[in-house]
Amino acid sequence: MGREPIKVPYGYQPDETQKGERGSLWVYDSFEHFTAQELAQLLALADERAFAKIVFYPLHEETLRRMDKRLAVSPHYARAAKLESMLEETGTDLDWVIDGFEGKRKKYTPMDTAFRYLDEKYKAPHFVYVTGDMAHMLAGYDTFETWIKRLRLLIADGGRAPEHPRLQQCASRWERV
């Protein structure tokens, strides 16, 4: 379907600065070793950049086992409950939600399926907050190249340096925070 032409008065200049909240920040992680200090830094970042919604997406243990066989994690419901209590303790006024999609599925969910689900459900533009290790794992998937064109990665300090060739190819689509 084509776009409808619009009429504007002569000399119209669009407002360059966008005001208000926009976009969503997906926090894609296991939340196994997530601390209150990391949460405070994340919330400060979200407040600074004025995201409309912060979506915490705890990964199911089956997903984590397929990503890295060496990981030993607690059950999904325990990590989600711990995260929720930490968020309530902060008393933040930011709009946040813990998405339970993986908890309902109770099995391995590929990155592509999870990102498609989040893309359909939450408002664009999309930013994904990950650790360095998680960014390295995500870059190893074939669908990474299609997704990196549609979203931006915010890689938390610490962990493994983004040495994956796909991350180096698209260095303009991610940044360290």
Protein backbone atom coordinates (compact mmCIF):
# COMPACT_ATOMS: atom_id res chain seq x y z
CA MET A 1 0.00 0.00 0.00
CA GLY A 2 1.42 3.38 -1.03
CA ARG A 3 1.87 6.35 1.24
CA GLU A 4 -0.59 9.21 1.15
CA PRO A 5 0.93 12.57 0.21
CA ILE A 6 0.58 15.27 2.84
CA LYS A 7 0.53 19.04 2.46
CA VAL A 8 2.57 21.33 4.66
CA PRO A 9 2.73 25.13 4.71
CA TYR A 10 5.53 26.89 2.84
CA GLY A 11 8.69 27.10 4.95
CA TYR A 12 7.74 24.19 7.23
CA GLN A 13 10.70 22.80 9.15
CA PRO A 14 10.19 19.53 11.02
CA ASP A 15 11.21 19.51 14.66
CA GLU A 16 14.64 17.84 14.71
CA THR A 17 14.62 16.92 18.38
CA GLN A 18 12.24 14.21 19.41
CA LYS A 19 10.72 14.82 22.76
CA GLY A 20 9.43 12.24 25.19
CA GLU A 21 10.04 8.57 25.62
CA ARG A 22 10.57 6.32 22.67
CA GLY A 23 11.48 2.76 21.90
CA SER A 24 12.04 -0.25 24.05
CA LEU A 25 15.08 -1.73 25.74
CA TRP A 26 15.21 -5.53 25.83
CA VAL A 27 17.45 -6.98 28.52
CA TYR A 28 18.31 -10.42 27.11
CA ASP A 29 20.14 -12.39 29.80
CA SER A 30 20.04 -15.34 32.17
CA PHE A 31 19.97 -13.02 35.26
CA GLU A 32 21.78 -15.75 37.19
CA HIS A 33 24.49 -13.45 38.57
CA PHE A 34 22.70 -10.12 38.04
CA THR A 35 23.43 -7.75 40.94
CA ALA A 36 21.63 -4.73 42.35
CA GLN A 37 24.53 -2.53 41.22
CA GLU A 38 24.18 -3.74 37.61
CA LEU A 39 20.43 -3.15 37.82
CA ALA A 40 20.97 0.40 39.09
CA GLN A 41 23.36 1.11 36.19
CA LEU A 42 20.86 -0.33 33.72
CA LEU A 43 17.99 1.75 35.10
CA ALA A 44 20.15 4.90 35.02
CA LEU A 45 20.97 4.19 31.36
CA ALA A 46 17.29 3.65 30.54
CA ASP A 47 16.33 6.88 32.29
CA GLU A 48 19.09 8.84 30.56
CA ARG A 49 18.07 7.63 27.10
CA ALA A 50 14.33 7.93 27.85
CA PHE A 51 13.15 4.48 26.79
CA ALA A 52 9.39 4.01 26.80
CA LYS A 53 9.62 0.47 28.20
CA ILE A 54 12.28 -1.80 29.66
CA VAL A 55 11.64 -5.46 28.91
CA PHE A 56 13.51 -7.97 31.05
CA TYR A 57 13.68 -11.28 29.20
CA PRO A 58 15.05 -14.06 31.44
CA LEU A 59 16.18 -17.03 29.38
CA HIS A 60 14.94 -20.53 30.16
CA GLU A 61 17.51 -23.01 31.43
CA GLU A 62 17.10 -25.16 28.30
CA THR A 63 17.91 -22.16 26.10
CA LEU A 64 21.00 -21.44 28.20
CA ARG A 65 22.16 -25.06 28.04
CA ARG A 66 21.95 -25.02 24.25
CA MET A 67 23.85 -21.73 24.08
CA ASP A 68 26.65 -22.86 26.39
CA LYS A 69 26.92 -26.40 27.73
CA ARG A 70 29.10 -25.31 30.67
CA LEU A 71 26.44 -23.07 32.24
CA ALA A 72 24.73 -24.33 35.36
CA VAL A 73 21.75 -22.14 36.19
CA SER A 74 18.90 -22.15 38.64
CA PRO A 75 15.31 -22.64 37.42
CA HIS A 76 13.65 -19.91 35.35
CA TYR A 77 10.97 -19.11 37.92
CA ALA A 78 13.56 -18.58 40.69
CA ARG A 79 15.64 -16.18 38.59
CA ALA A 80 12.52 -14.28 37.48
CA ALA A 81 11.27 -13.97 41.08
CA LYS A 82 14.68 -12.73 42.25
CA LEU A 83 14.76 -10.16 39.44
CA GLU A 84 11.24 -8.98 40.25
CA SER A 85 12.07 -8.49 43.93
CA MET A 86 15.21 -6.54 43.00
CA LEU A 87 13.18 -4.31 40.68
CA GLU A 88 10.54 -3.65 43.32
CA GLU A 89 13.24 -2.75 45.86
CA THR A 90 14.62 -0.05 43.56
CA GLY A 91 11.27 1.77 43.55
CA THR A 92 11.91 3.10 40.06
CA ASP A 93 9.18 4.98 38.21
CA LEU A 94 10.36 3.67 34.82
CA ASP A 95 7.95 1.45 32.89
CA TRP A 96 9.35 -2.09 33.14
CA VAL A 97 8.04 -5.58 32.58
CA ILE A 98 9.44 -9.08 33.04
CA ASP A 99 8.36 -10.98 29.96
CA GLY A 100 7.30 -14.55 30.71
CA PHE A 101 7.37 -15.93 27.17
CA GLU A 102 10.23 -18.35 27.87
CA GLY A 103 8.66 -19.42 31.16
CA LYS A 104 5.44 -20.36 29.36
CA ARG A 105 7.26 -22.28 26.62
CA LYS A 106 9.38 -24.27 29.10
CA LYS A 107 11.84 -25.32 26.41
CA TYR A 108 14.59 -24.07 24.14
CA THR A 109 13.72 -20.81 22.39
CA PRO A 110 16.04 -19.71 19.56
CA MET A 111 17.20 -16.10 19.48
CA ASP A 112 15.28 -15.53 16.25
CA THR A 113 11.98 -16.68 17.78
CA ALA A 114 12.49 -14.60 20.92
CA PHE A 115 13.42 -11.46 18.98
CA ARG A 116 10.47 -11.89 16.58
CA TYR A 117 8.14 -12.18 19.56
CA LEU A 118 9.60 -9.09 21.25
CA ASP A 119 9.58 -7.14 17.98
CA GLU A 120 5.87 -7.77 17.48
CA LYS A 121 4.92 -7.02 21.06
CA TYR A 122 6.94 -3.90 21.93
CA LYS A 123 7.32 -0.48 20.35
CA ALA A 124 10.28 0.29 18.04
CA PRO A 125 13.10 1.37 17.91
CA HIS A 126 14.57 -1.64 19.68
CA PHE A 127 17.74 -1.77 21.76
CA VAL A 128 19.10 -4.99 23.24
CA TYR A 129 21.16 -4.84 26.44
CA VAL A 130 23.51 -7.83 26.70
CA THR A 131 26.76 -8.80 28.38
CA GLY A 132 29.93 -9.23 26.35
CA ASP A 133 29.69 -13.01 26.53
CA MET A 134 26.06 -12.99 25.42
CA ALA A 135 26.86 -10.65 22.52
CA HIS A 136 29.58 -13.06 21.41
CA MET A 137 27.13 -16.00 21.55
CA LEU A 138 24.42 -14.10 19.64
CA ALA A 139 26.89 -13.11 16.93
CA GLY A 140 27.55 -16.80 16.32
CA TYR A 141 24.03 -17.43 15.04
CA ASP A 142 23.17 -17.22 11.34
CA THR A 143 20.19 -14.92 11.92
CA PHE A 144 22.35 -12.36 13.73
CA GLU A 145 23.09 -10.46 10.51
CA THR A 146 19.39 -9.95 9.79
CA TRP A 147 18.60 -8.84 13.33
CA ILE A 148 21.51 -6.46 13.77
CA LYS A 149 20.07 -4.39 10.91
CA ARG A 150 16.79 -3.96 12.83
CA LEU A 151 18.08 -3.27 16.32
CA ARG A 152 21.06 -1.90 18.24
CA LEU A 153 23.13 -3.72 20.82
CA LEU A 154 24.15 -2.12 24.08
CA ILE A 155 26.98 -4.26 25.44
CA ALA A 156 27.65 -4.07 29.16
CA ASP A 157 31.25 -3.60 30.30
CA GLY A 158 33.02 -6.66 31.56
CA GLY A 159 32.96 -10.16 30.21
CA ARG A 160 34.52 -11.13 26.93
CA ALA A 161 35.54 -8.41 24.49
CA PRO A 162 33.46 -8.47 21.29
CA GLU A 163 36.02 -10.23 19.14
CA HIS A 164 33.54 -12.10 16.98
CA PRO A 165 34.01 -11.21 13.28
CA ARG A 166 30.31 -10.44 12.82
CA LEU A 167 30.44 -7.95 15.68
CA GLN A 168 33.49 -6.31 14.16
CA GLN A 169 31.77 -6.09 10.76
CA CYS A 170 28.81 -4.21 12.19
CA ALA A 171 30.65 -2.06 14.74
CA SER A 172 28.33 0.87 13.98
CA ARG A 173 25.30 -1.10 15.29
CA TRP A 174 26.54 -1.68 18.85
CA GLU A 175 28.16 0.30 21.62
CA ARG A 176 29.66 -0.34 25.04
CA VAL A 177 27.79 1.04 28.02
